[in-house]
């Protein structure tokens, strides 16, 4: 007796294709993606002369990460401890750009904002995008670094000179849609 499976066969075929893709994507990490990311990030550091290092985190196979790490530095802020002349310096983590290999062989790109230890909580990494191996190119890496540098520059230069568009003050009569009567 044959069962009418409807679209179930199509869904099963999609699932098998995804599993096959995962295997293929994982093979491309050490051959294509990892060398491209490492070479490009190191060349960016050399040409821009930013103080950074590229770290490979490879303790877990098929979940490796490559990090453009801006390191840590003195924040210039210190806490005065009560009833003493002792000051506790606060350390600044300068931010990072992360290329994280996902369980399915794709790569998630994330930024980590700078933060000062002991002064608020660090933000969680901000995902930029997830790419398949064939989508990851040097142009994409350059764009990721550009976005990252823009974010950390904005963090360093924080003020309220330019309010966000959703909170911007619009005086009556300016930047408003005209209401017309028929």
N, C-alpha and C. Protein backbone atom coordinates (compact mmCIF):
# COMPACT_ATOMS: atom_id res chain seq x y z
N UNK A 1 0.84 -1.18 0.00
CA UNK A 1 0.00 0.00 0.00
C UNK A 1 0.88 1.24 0.00
N UNK A 2 0.73 2.09 -0.98
CA UNK A 2 1.51 3.32 -1.10
C UNK A 2 0.83 4.45 -0.35
N UNK A 3 1.62 5.20 0.38
CA UNK A 3 1.11 6.34 1.14
C UNK A 3 1.38 7.60 0.33
N UNK A 4 0.39 8.46 0.22
CA UNK A 4 0.58 9.74 -0.46
C UNK A 4 1.29 10.68 0.52
N UNK A 5 2.55 10.93 0.27
CA UNK A 5 3.36 11.75 1.19
C UNK A 5 3.29 13.24 0.87
N UNK A 6 2.63 13.59 -0.21
CA UNK A 6 2.50 15.01 -0.55
C UNK A 6 3.86 15.67 -0.70
N UNK A 7 4.09 16.73 0.06
CA UNK A 7 5.35 17.48 -0.03
C UNK A 7 6.43 16.93 0.90
N UNK A 8 6.14 15.84 1.60
CA UNK A 8 7.10 15.28 2.55
C UNK A 8 8.40 14.83 1.85
N UNK A 9 8.28 14.26 0.67
CA UNK A 9 9.48 13.82 -0.06
C UNK A 9 10.34 15.03 -0.42
N UNK A 10 9.73 16.11 -0.83
CA UNK A 10 10.47 17.34 -1.15
C UNK A 10 11.18 17.88 0.09
N UNK A 11 10.52 17.87 1.22
CA UNK A 11 11.12 18.34 2.46
C UNK A 11 12.28 17.43 2.90
N UNK A 12 12.12 16.14 2.72
CA UNK A 12 13.19 15.19 3.05
C UNK A 12 14.40 15.41 2.14
N UNK A 13 14.16 15.69 0.88
CA UNK A 13 15.26 15.97 -0.06
C UNK A 13 15.97 17.27 0.31
N UNK A 14 15.19 18.29 0.72
CA UNK A 14 15.79 19.55 1.18
C UNK A 14 16.70 19.29 2.37
N UNK A 15 16.24 18.50 3.31
CA UNK A 15 17.00 18.17 4.52
C UNK A 15 18.32 17.46 4.15
N UNK A 16 18.24 16.50 3.26
CA UNK A 16 19.45 15.77 2.85
C UNK A 16 20.43 16.70 2.16
N UNK A 17 19.93 17.63 1.37
CA UNK A 17 20.80 18.60 0.69
C UNK A 17 21.50 19.51 1.69
N UNK A 18 20.78 19.93 2.71
CA UNK A 18 21.38 20.78 3.75
C UNK A 18 22.48 20.03 4.49
N UNK A 19 22.25 18.77 4.80
CA UNK A 19 23.29 17.97 5.46
C UNK A 19 24.53 17.84 4.57
N UNK A 20 24.31 17.65 3.28
CA UNK A 20 25.42 17.56 2.34
C UNK A 20 26.18 18.89 2.28
N UNK A 21 25.43 20.01 2.26
CA UNK A 21 26.04 21.33 2.24
C UNK A 21 26.93 21.54 3.47
N UNK A 22 26.45 21.11 4.64
CA UNK A 22 27.22 21.27 5.87
C UNK A 22 28.59 20.61 5.73
N UNK A 23 28.61 19.39 5.23
CA UNK A 23 29.88 18.69 5.02
C UNK A 23 30.79 19.42 4.05
N UNK A 24 30.21 19.93 2.96
CA UNK A 24 31.01 20.66 1.96
C UNK A 24 31.53 21.98 2.53
N UNK A 25 30.67 22.69 3.24
CA UNK A 25 31.10 23.97 3.83
C UNK A 25 32.23 23.77 4.83
N UNK A 26 32.14 22.72 5.64
CA UNK A 26 33.18 22.45 6.64
C UNK A 26 34.52 22.17 5.97
N UNK A 27 34.50 21.52 4.82
CA UNK A 27 35.75 21.24 4.10
C UNK A 27 36.39 22.53 3.57
N UNK A 28 35.57 23.54 3.30
CA UNK A 28 36.08 24.78 2.72
C UNK A 28 36.70 25.71 3.77
N UNK A 29 36.41 25.51 5.04
CA UNK A 29 36.97 26.38 6.08
C UNK A 29 38.51 26.34 6.06
N UNK A 30 39.15 25.16 6.19
CA UNK A 30 40.61 25.17 6.25
C UNK A 30 41.27 25.46 4.89
N UNK A 31 40.56 25.17 3.81
CA UNK A 31 41.16 25.34 2.48
C UNK A 31 40.98 26.76 1.93
N UNK A 32 39.83 27.35 2.16
CA UNK A 32 39.52 28.63 1.52
C UNK A 32 39.29 29.76 2.51
N UNK A 33 38.33 29.57 3.41
CA UNK A 33 37.90 30.67 4.26
C UNK A 33 38.95 31.11 5.27
N UNK A 34 39.49 30.17 6.02
CA UNK A 34 40.46 30.51 7.05
C UNK A 34 41.68 31.23 6.48
N UNK A 35 42.31 30.71 5.40
CA UNK A 35 43.47 31.44 4.84
C UNK A 35 43.10 32.83 4.33
N UNK A 36 41.93 32.96 3.72
CA UNK A 36 41.49 34.25 3.19
C UNK A 36 41.30 35.26 4.32
N UNK A 37 40.62 34.85 5.37
CA UNK A 37 40.36 35.74 6.50
C UNK A 37 41.68 36.15 7.16
N UNK A 38 42.55 35.17 7.43
CA UNK A 38 43.83 35.47 8.08
C UNK A 38 44.68 36.42 7.25
N UNK A 39 44.83 36.11 5.98
CA UNK A 39 45.67 36.94 5.09
C UNK A 39 45.12 38.36 5.00
N UNK A 40 43.81 38.49 4.83
CA UNK A 40 43.20 39.81 4.66
C UNK A 40 43.32 40.64 5.93
N UNK A 41 43.00 40.04 7.08
CA UNK A 41 43.06 40.78 8.33
C UNK A 41 44.49 41.22 8.65
N UNK A 42 45.46 40.35 8.42
CA UNK A 42 46.86 40.71 8.68
C UNK A 42 47.32 41.84 7.75
N UNK A 43 46.90 41.80 6.52
CA UNK A 43 47.26 42.86 5.58
C UNK A 43 46.60 44.19 5.97
N UNK A 44 45.37 44.13 6.46
CA UNK A 44 44.69 45.34 6.93
C UNK A 44 45.46 45.95 8.10
N UNK A 45 45.88 45.11 9.04
CA UNK A 45 46.67 45.60 10.18
C UNK A 45 47.96 46.25 9.69
N UNK A 46 48.65 45.61 8.77
CA UNK A 46 49.91 46.15 8.24
C UNK A 46 49.71 47.49 7.55
N UNK A 47 48.69 47.59 6.72
CA UNK A 47 48.51 48.82 5.95
C UNK A 47 47.91 49.95 6.77
N UNK A 48 47.02 49.65 7.71
CA UNK A 48 46.38 50.70 8.50
C UNK A 48 47.19 51.07 9.74
N UNK A 49 48.09 50.18 10.14
CA UNK A 49 48.91 50.36 11.33
C UNK A 49 48.07 50.50 12.60
N UNK A 50 46.89 49.87 12.63
CA UNK A 50 46.12 49.86 13.87
C UNK A 50 46.76 48.84 14.81
N UNK A 51 46.65 49.12 16.10
CA UNK A 51 47.21 48.21 17.10
C UNK A 51 46.21 47.08 17.31
N UNK A 52 46.50 45.94 16.72
CA UNK A 52 45.60 44.79 16.79
C UNK A 52 46.39 43.53 16.55
N UNK A 53 45.76 42.41 16.87
CA UNK A 53 46.36 41.12 16.54
C UNK A 53 45.25 40.20 16.05
N UNK A 54 45.65 39.24 15.26
CA UNK A 54 44.72 38.25 14.74
C UNK A 54 44.96 36.96 15.50
N UNK A 55 43.91 36.45 16.14
CA UNK A 55 44.01 35.22 16.92
C UNK A 55 43.14 34.14 16.30
N UNK A 56 43.65 32.92 16.30
CA UNK A 56 42.88 31.77 15.83
C UNK A 56 42.49 30.96 17.06
N UNK A 57 41.21 30.73 17.19
CA UNK A 57 40.72 29.89 18.28
C UNK A 57 40.24 28.58 17.66
N UNK A 58 41.05 27.53 17.82
CA UNK A 58 40.79 26.28 17.10
C UNK A 58 40.75 25.06 18.01
N UNK A 59 40.35 25.24 19.25
CA UNK A 59 40.30 24.10 20.17
C UNK A 59 39.16 23.14 19.83
N UNK A 60 38.11 23.64 19.19
CA UNK A 60 36.99 22.78 18.82
C UNK A 60 36.91 22.71 17.31
N UNK A 61 37.12 21.52 16.78
CA UNK A 61 37.08 21.31 15.33
C UNK A 61 35.70 21.62 14.78
N UNK A 62 35.66 22.30 13.65
CA UNK A 62 34.44 22.72 12.96
C UNK A 62 33.66 23.79 13.70
N UNK A 63 34.26 24.39 14.73
CA UNK A 63 33.68 25.56 15.41
C UNK A 63 34.79 26.57 15.69
N UNK A 64 35.72 26.68 14.77
CA UNK A 64 36.85 27.59 14.95
C UNK A 64 36.40 29.04 14.83
N UNK A 65 37.24 29.93 15.32
CA UNK A 65 37.00 31.36 15.19
C UNK A 65 38.31 32.06 14.88
N UNK A 66 38.19 33.14 14.15
CA UNK A 66 39.32 34.03 13.90
C UNK A 66 38.89 35.40 14.42
N UNK A 67 39.75 35.98 15.27
CA UNK A 67 39.39 37.22 15.95
C UNK A 67 40.41 38.31 15.62
N UNK A 68 39.91 39.43 15.14
CA UNK A 68 40.71 40.64 15.03
C UNK A 68 40.52 41.35 16.36
N UNK A 69 41.51 41.26 17.23
CA UNK A 69 41.40 41.73 18.61
C UNK A 69 42.20 43.01 18.79
N UNK A 70 41.54 44.06 19.24
CA UNK A 70 42.23 45.32 19.49
C UNK A 70 42.84 45.36 20.88
N UNK A 71 42.71 44.27 21.63
CA UNK A 71 43.40 44.15 22.90
C UNK A 71 42.78 44.95 24.03
N UNK A 72 43.59 45.12 25.06
CA UNK A 72 43.16 45.84 26.26
C UNK A 72 44.15 46.98 26.50
N UNK A 73 43.65 48.00 27.19
CA UNK A 73 44.52 49.14 27.51
C UNK A 73 44.02 49.80 28.79
N UNK A 74 44.83 50.71 29.31
CA UNK A 74 44.40 51.49 30.46
C UNK A 74 43.29 52.43 30.00
N UNK A 75 42.23 52.50 30.78
CA UNK A 75 41.11 53.36 30.41
C UNK A 75 41.35 54.81 30.82
N UNK A 76 42.28 55.02 31.75
CA UNK A 76 42.49 56.36 32.28
C UNK A 76 41.53 56.68 33.41
N UNK A 77 40.67 55.72 33.75
CA UNK A 77 39.70 55.89 34.82
C UNK A 77 40.13 55.00 35.98
N UNK A 78 40.02 55.52 37.19
CA UNK A 78 40.35 54.70 38.35
C UNK A 78 39.37 54.98 39.48
N UNK A 79 39.17 53.98 40.29
CA UNK A 79 38.25 54.07 41.43
C UNK A 79 39.08 54.38 42.68
N UNK A 80 38.66 55.40 43.40
CA UNK A 80 39.30 55.72 44.67
C UNK A 80 38.71 54.82 45.75
N UNK A 81 39.55 54.01 46.38
CA UNK A 81 39.08 53.11 47.42
C UNK A 81 38.91 53.88 48.73
N UNK A 82 37.82 53.59 49.43
CA UNK A 82 37.48 54.31 50.65
C UNK A 82 38.60 54.28 51.68
N UNK A 83 38.77 55.42 52.33
CA UNK A 83 39.69 55.58 53.46
C UNK A 83 41.13 55.19 53.13
N UNK A 84 41.52 55.26 51.87
CA UNK A 84 42.90 54.96 51.50
C UNK A 84 43.33 55.91 50.38
N UNK A 85 44.59 55.89 50.11
CA UNK A 85 45.12 56.64 48.96
C UNK A 85 45.28 55.72 47.76
N UNK A 86 44.66 54.55 47.84
CA UNK A 86 44.80 53.55 46.79
C UNK A 86 43.74 53.77 45.71
N UNK A 87 44.16 53.62 44.48
CA UNK A 87 43.25 53.73 43.34
C UNK A 87 43.26 52.41 42.57
N UNK A 88 42.07 51.96 42.18
CA UNK A 88 41.95 50.75 41.37
C UNK A 88 41.71 51.17 39.93
N UNK A 89 42.69 50.87 39.08
CA UNK A 89 42.59 51.23 37.66
C UNK A 89 41.54 50.36 36.97
N UNK A 90 40.82 50.97 36.06
CA UNK A 90 39.83 50.24 35.26
C UNK A 90 40.42 49.99 33.87
N UNK A 91 40.31 48.77 33.43
CA UNK A 91 40.89 48.35 32.15
C UNK A 91 39.83 48.46 31.05
N UNK A 92 40.28 48.92 29.90
CA UNK A 92 39.37 49.02 28.75
C UNK A 92 39.67 47.89 27.77
N UNK A 93 38.64 47.16 27.40
CA UNK A 93 38.73 46.20 26.31
C UNK A 93 38.35 46.96 25.05
N UNK A 94 39.24 46.96 24.07
CA UNK A 94 39.11 47.85 22.92
C UNK A 94 38.21 47.36 21.80
N UNK A 95 37.67 46.16 21.91
CA UNK A 95 36.75 45.65 20.89
C UNK A 95 37.39 44.58 20.03
N UNK A 96 36.54 43.89 19.28
CA UNK A 96 37.01 42.79 18.44
C UNK A 96 36.03 42.55 17.29
N UNK A 97 36.56 41.99 16.22
CA UNK A 97 35.78 41.53 15.07
C UNK A 97 35.99 40.03 15.00
N UNK A 98 34.89 39.27 14.99
CA UNK A 98 34.97 37.82 15.08
C UNK A 98 34.39 37.16 13.84
N UNK A 99 35.14 36.18 13.32
CA UNK A 99 34.66 35.29 12.25
C UNK A 99 34.51 33.92 12.90
N UNK A 100 33.28 33.52 13.18
CA UNK A 100 32.99 32.28 13.91
C UNK A 100 32.42 31.24 12.96
N UNK A 101 33.10 30.12 12.85
CA UNK A 101 32.58 29.01 12.06
C UNK A 101 31.39 28.43 12.81
N UNK A 102 30.26 28.29 12.15
CA UNK A 102 29.05 27.75 12.78
C UNK A 102 28.99 26.23 12.62
N UNK A 103 28.11 25.61 13.36
CA UNK A 103 27.94 24.15 13.33
C UNK A 103 27.63 23.63 11.94
N UNK A 104 27.03 24.48 11.09
CA UNK A 104 26.64 24.04 9.76
C UNK A 104 27.66 24.43 8.68
N UNK A 105 28.84 24.91 9.11
CA UNK A 105 29.90 25.24 8.17
C UNK A 105 29.86 26.65 7.63
N UNK A 106 28.78 27.37 7.88
CA UNK A 106 28.72 28.77 7.48
C UNK A 106 29.53 29.59 8.48
N UNK A 107 29.73 30.86 8.19
CA UNK A 107 30.53 31.72 9.06
C UNK A 107 29.69 32.92 9.51
N UNK A 108 29.63 33.10 10.84
CA UNK A 108 28.95 34.27 11.39
C UNK A 108 30.01 35.33 11.70
N UNK A 109 29.73 36.55 11.27
CA UNK A 109 30.63 37.66 11.53
C UNK A 109 29.97 38.54 12.59
N UNK A 110 30.75 38.84 13.65
CA UNK A 110 30.21 39.61 14.78
C UNK A 110 31.22 40.68 15.19
N UNK A 111 30.70 41.76 15.78
CA UNK A 111 31.55 42.77 16.38
C UNK A 111 31.34 42.76 17.89
N UNK A 112 32.41 43.05 18.61
CA UNK A 112 32.33 43.22 20.05
C UNK A 112 32.73 44.66 20.34
N UNK A 113 31.82 45.40 20.95
CA UNK A 113 32.08 46.80 21.27
C UNK A 113 33.10 46.92 22.39
N UNK A 114 33.82 48.03 22.42
CA UNK A 114 34.70 48.27 23.56
C UNK A 114 33.87 48.39 24.84
N UNK A 115 34.52 48.16 25.96
CA UNK A 115 33.89 48.39 27.26
C UNK A 115 34.97 48.55 28.31
N UNK A 116 34.59 49.19 29.39
CA UNK A 116 35.51 49.41 30.50
C UNK A 116 35.08 48.49 31.64
N UNK A 117 36.01 47.64 32.06
CA UNK A 117 35.72 46.68 33.14
C UNK A 117 35.39 47.43 34.41
N UNK A 118 34.29 47.05 35.06
CA UNK A 118 33.86 47.70 36.29
C UNK A 118 33.03 48.94 36.06
N UNK A 119 32.77 49.29 34.81
CA UNK A 119 31.97 50.46 34.48
C UNK A 119 30.88 50.00 33.51
N UNK A 120 29.78 49.53 34.06
CA UNK A 120 28.72 48.99 33.23
C UNK A 120 29.03 47.58 32.77
N UNK A 121 28.12 47.02 32.05
CA UNK A 121 28.26 45.66 31.54
C UNK A 121 28.64 45.69 30.06
N UNK A 122 29.49 44.77 29.63
CA UNK A 122 29.80 44.72 28.19
C UNK A 122 28.57 44.28 27.40
N UNK A 123 28.45 44.83 26.20
CA UNK A 123 27.36 44.41 25.31
C UNK A 123 27.69 43.03 24.75
N UNK A 124 26.68 42.23 24.47
CA UNK A 124 26.96 40.96 23.80
C UNK A 124 27.45 41.22 22.38
N UNK A 125 28.16 40.27 21.79
CA UNK A 125 28.60 40.45 20.39
C UNK A 125 27.41 40.76 19.48
N UNK A 126 27.64 41.65 18.54
CA UNK A 126 26.59 42.07 17.60
C UNK A 126 26.81 41.35 16.27
N UNK A 127 25.87 40.49 15.88
CA UNK A 127 26.02 39.80 14.59
C UNK A 127 25.90 40.77 13.42
N UNK A 128 26.82 40.66 12.46
CA UNK A 128 26.73 41.45 11.24
C UNK A 128 26.02 40.67 10.15
N UNK A 129 26.46 39.41 9.95
CA UNK A 129 25.82 38.56 8.94
C UNK A 129 26.37 37.14 9.04
N UNK A 130 25.71 36.25 8.33
CA UNK A 130 26.16 34.86 8.21
C UNK A 130 26.36 34.59 6.73
N UNK A 131 27.54 34.05 6.40
CA UNK A 131 27.88 33.82 4.99
C UNK A 131 28.21 32.36 4.73
N UNK A 132 27.87 31.92 3.51
CA UNK A 132 28.32 30.62 3.01
C UNK A 132 29.74 30.80 2.48
N UNK A 133 30.51 29.73 2.36
CA UNK A 133 31.90 29.87 1.90
C UNK A 133 32.04 30.63 0.59
N UNK A 134 31.18 30.37 -0.37
CA UNK A 134 31.31 31.04 -1.67
C UNK A 134 30.97 32.53 -1.59
N UNK A 135 30.29 32.96 -0.53
CA UNK A 135 29.94 34.36 -0.38
C UNK A 135 31.04 35.18 0.29
N UNK A 136 31.92 34.53 1.01
CA UNK A 136 32.97 35.22 1.75
C UNK A 136 34.10 35.60 0.79
N UNK A 137 34.26 36.90 0.59
CA UNK A 137 35.31 37.41 -0.30
C UNK A 137 36.12 38.47 0.44
N UNK A 138 37.23 38.84 -0.16
CA UNK A 138 38.05 39.89 0.44
C UNK A 138 37.26 41.19 0.56
N UNK A 139 36.42 41.50 -0.41
CA UNK A 139 35.59 42.71 -0.36
C UNK A 139 34.67 42.70 0.85
N UNK A 140 34.09 41.53 1.15
CA UNK A 140 33.22 41.42 2.32
C UNK A 140 34.02 41.65 3.60
N UNK A 141 35.21 41.09 3.67
CA UNK A 141 36.05 41.25 4.87
C UNK A 141 36.41 42.72 5.06
N UNK A 142 36.76 43.41 3.99
CA UNK A 142 37.06 44.84 4.06
C UNK A 142 35.85 45.61 4.58
N UNK A 143 34.68 45.25 4.10
CA UNK A 143 33.45 45.92 4.55
C UNK A 143 33.21 45.65 6.03
N UNK A 144 33.43 44.40 6.47
CA UNK A 144 33.25 44.07 7.89
C UNK A 144 34.17 44.91 8.77
N UNK A 145 35.44 45.03 8.37
CA UNK A 145 36.39 45.81 9.15
C UNK A 145 35.98 47.28 9.16
N UNK A 146 35.49 47.76 8.04
CA UNK A 146 35.03 49.14 7.97
C UNK A 146 33.86 49.38 8.93
N UNK A 147 32.89 48.49 8.94
CA UNK A 147 31.76 48.60 9.87
C UNK A 147 32.25 48.55 11.32
N UNK A 148 33.16 47.64 11.59
CA UNK A 148 33.73 47.49 12.93
C UNK A 148 34.43 48.78 13.36
N UNK A 149 35.28 49.33 12.51
CA UNK A 149 36.00 50.56 12.86
C UNK A 149 35.03 51.72 13.07
N UNK A 150 33.98 51.77 12.29
CA UNK A 150 32.96 52.81 12.47
C UNK A 150 32.31 52.67 13.84
N UNK A 151 31.95 51.45 14.22
CA UNK A 151 31.29 51.21 15.51
C UNK A 151 32.20 51.59 16.68
N UNK A 152 33.46 51.17 16.63
CA UNK A 152 34.33 51.47 17.77
C UNK A 152 34.70 52.95 17.81
N UNK A 153 34.79 53.59 16.65
CA UNK A 153 35.04 55.03 16.61
C UNK A 153 33.86 55.79 17.23
N UNK A 154 32.63 55.37 16.90
CA UNK A 154 31.45 55.99 17.49
C UNK A 154 31.43 55.77 19.00
N UNK A 155 31.84 54.60 19.46
CA UNK A 155 31.88 54.32 20.89
C UNK A 155 32.88 55.26 21.57
N UNK A 156 34.06 55.40 20.98
CA UNK A 156 35.10 56.25 21.55
C UNK A 156 34.69 57.72 21.57
N UNK A 157 33.92 58.14 20.57
CA UNK A 157 33.55 59.55 20.42
C UNK A 157 32.11 59.80 20.88
N UNK A 158 31.63 58.99 21.80
CA UNK A 158 30.24 59.06 22.24
C UNK A 158 29.87 60.44 22.74
N UNK A 159 28.78 60.96 22.25
CA UNK A 159 28.11 62.14 22.79
C UNK A 159 26.73 62.22 22.18
N UNK A 160 26.03 63.29 22.49
CA UNK A 160 24.66 63.39 21.99
C UNK A 160 24.51 64.48 20.93
N UNK A 161 25.59 64.77 20.21
CA UNK A 161 25.53 65.79 19.16
C UNK A 161 24.57 65.44 18.03
N UNK A 162 24.50 64.16 17.72
CA UNK A 162 23.65 63.73 16.61
C UNK A 162 22.62 62.74 17.12
N UNK A 163 21.43 63.24 17.51
CA UNK A 163 20.42 62.31 18.02
C UNK A 163 19.96 61.36 16.93
N UNK A 164 19.58 60.17 17.36
CA UNK A 164 19.09 59.19 16.38
C UNK A 164 17.80 59.68 15.76
N UNK A 165 17.49 59.20 14.58
CA UNK A 165 16.34 59.68 13.84
C UNK A 165 15.03 59.44 14.57
N UNK A 166 14.92 58.34 15.32
CA UNK A 166 13.64 58.09 15.98
C UNK A 166 13.46 58.96 17.23
N UNK A 167 14.53 59.53 17.74
CA UNK A 167 14.43 60.40 18.90
C UNK A 167 14.71 61.86 18.56
N UNK A 168 14.89 62.13 17.29
CA UNK A 168 15.27 63.48 16.89
C UNK A 168 14.14 64.46 17.16
N UNK A 169 14.52 65.65 17.54
CA UNK A 169 13.57 66.72 17.79
C UNK A 169 13.23 67.36 16.46
N UNK A 170 11.96 67.42 16.16
CA UNK A 170 11.50 68.07 14.93
C UNK A 170 10.57 69.20 15.32
N UNK A 171 11.01 70.45 15.21
CA UNK A 171 10.12 71.55 15.55
C UNK A 171 8.87 71.52 14.68
N UNK A 172 7.80 72.03 15.24
CA UNK A 172 6.52 72.04 14.51
C UNK A 172 6.71 72.75 13.18
N UNK A 173 6.24 72.11 12.14
CA UNK A 173 6.30 72.71 10.82
C UNK A 173 7.54 72.35 10.02
N UNK A 174 8.51 71.73 10.66
CA UNK A 174 9.72 71.35 9.95
C UNK A 174 9.81 69.84 9.86
N UNK A 175 10.23 69.34 8.70
CA UNK A 175 10.40 67.90 8.48
C UNK A 175 9.14 67.11 8.79
N UNK A 176 8.02 67.70 8.52
CA UNK A 176 6.74 67.03 8.76
C UNK A 176 6.07 66.77 7.43
N UNK A 177 5.28 65.70 7.36
CA UNK A 177 4.49 65.45 6.16
C UNK A 177 3.37 66.47 6.12
N UNK A 178 3.12 66.98 4.94
CA UNK A 178 2.03 67.92 4.79
C UNK A 178 0.71 67.17 4.80
N UNK A 179 -0.24 67.69 5.54
CA UNK A 179 -1.58 67.10 5.56
C UNK A 179 -2.44 67.94 4.65
N UNK A 180 -2.99 67.30 3.65
CA UNK A 180 -3.84 68.04 2.71
C UNK A 180 -5.24 67.51 2.81
N UNK A 181 -6.17 68.41 2.64
CA UNK A 181 -7.57 68.03 2.64
C UNK A 181 -8.06 67.95 1.21
N UNK A 182 -8.88 66.94 0.94
CA UNK A 182 -9.41 66.78 -0.41
C UNK A 182 -10.52 67.76 -0.70
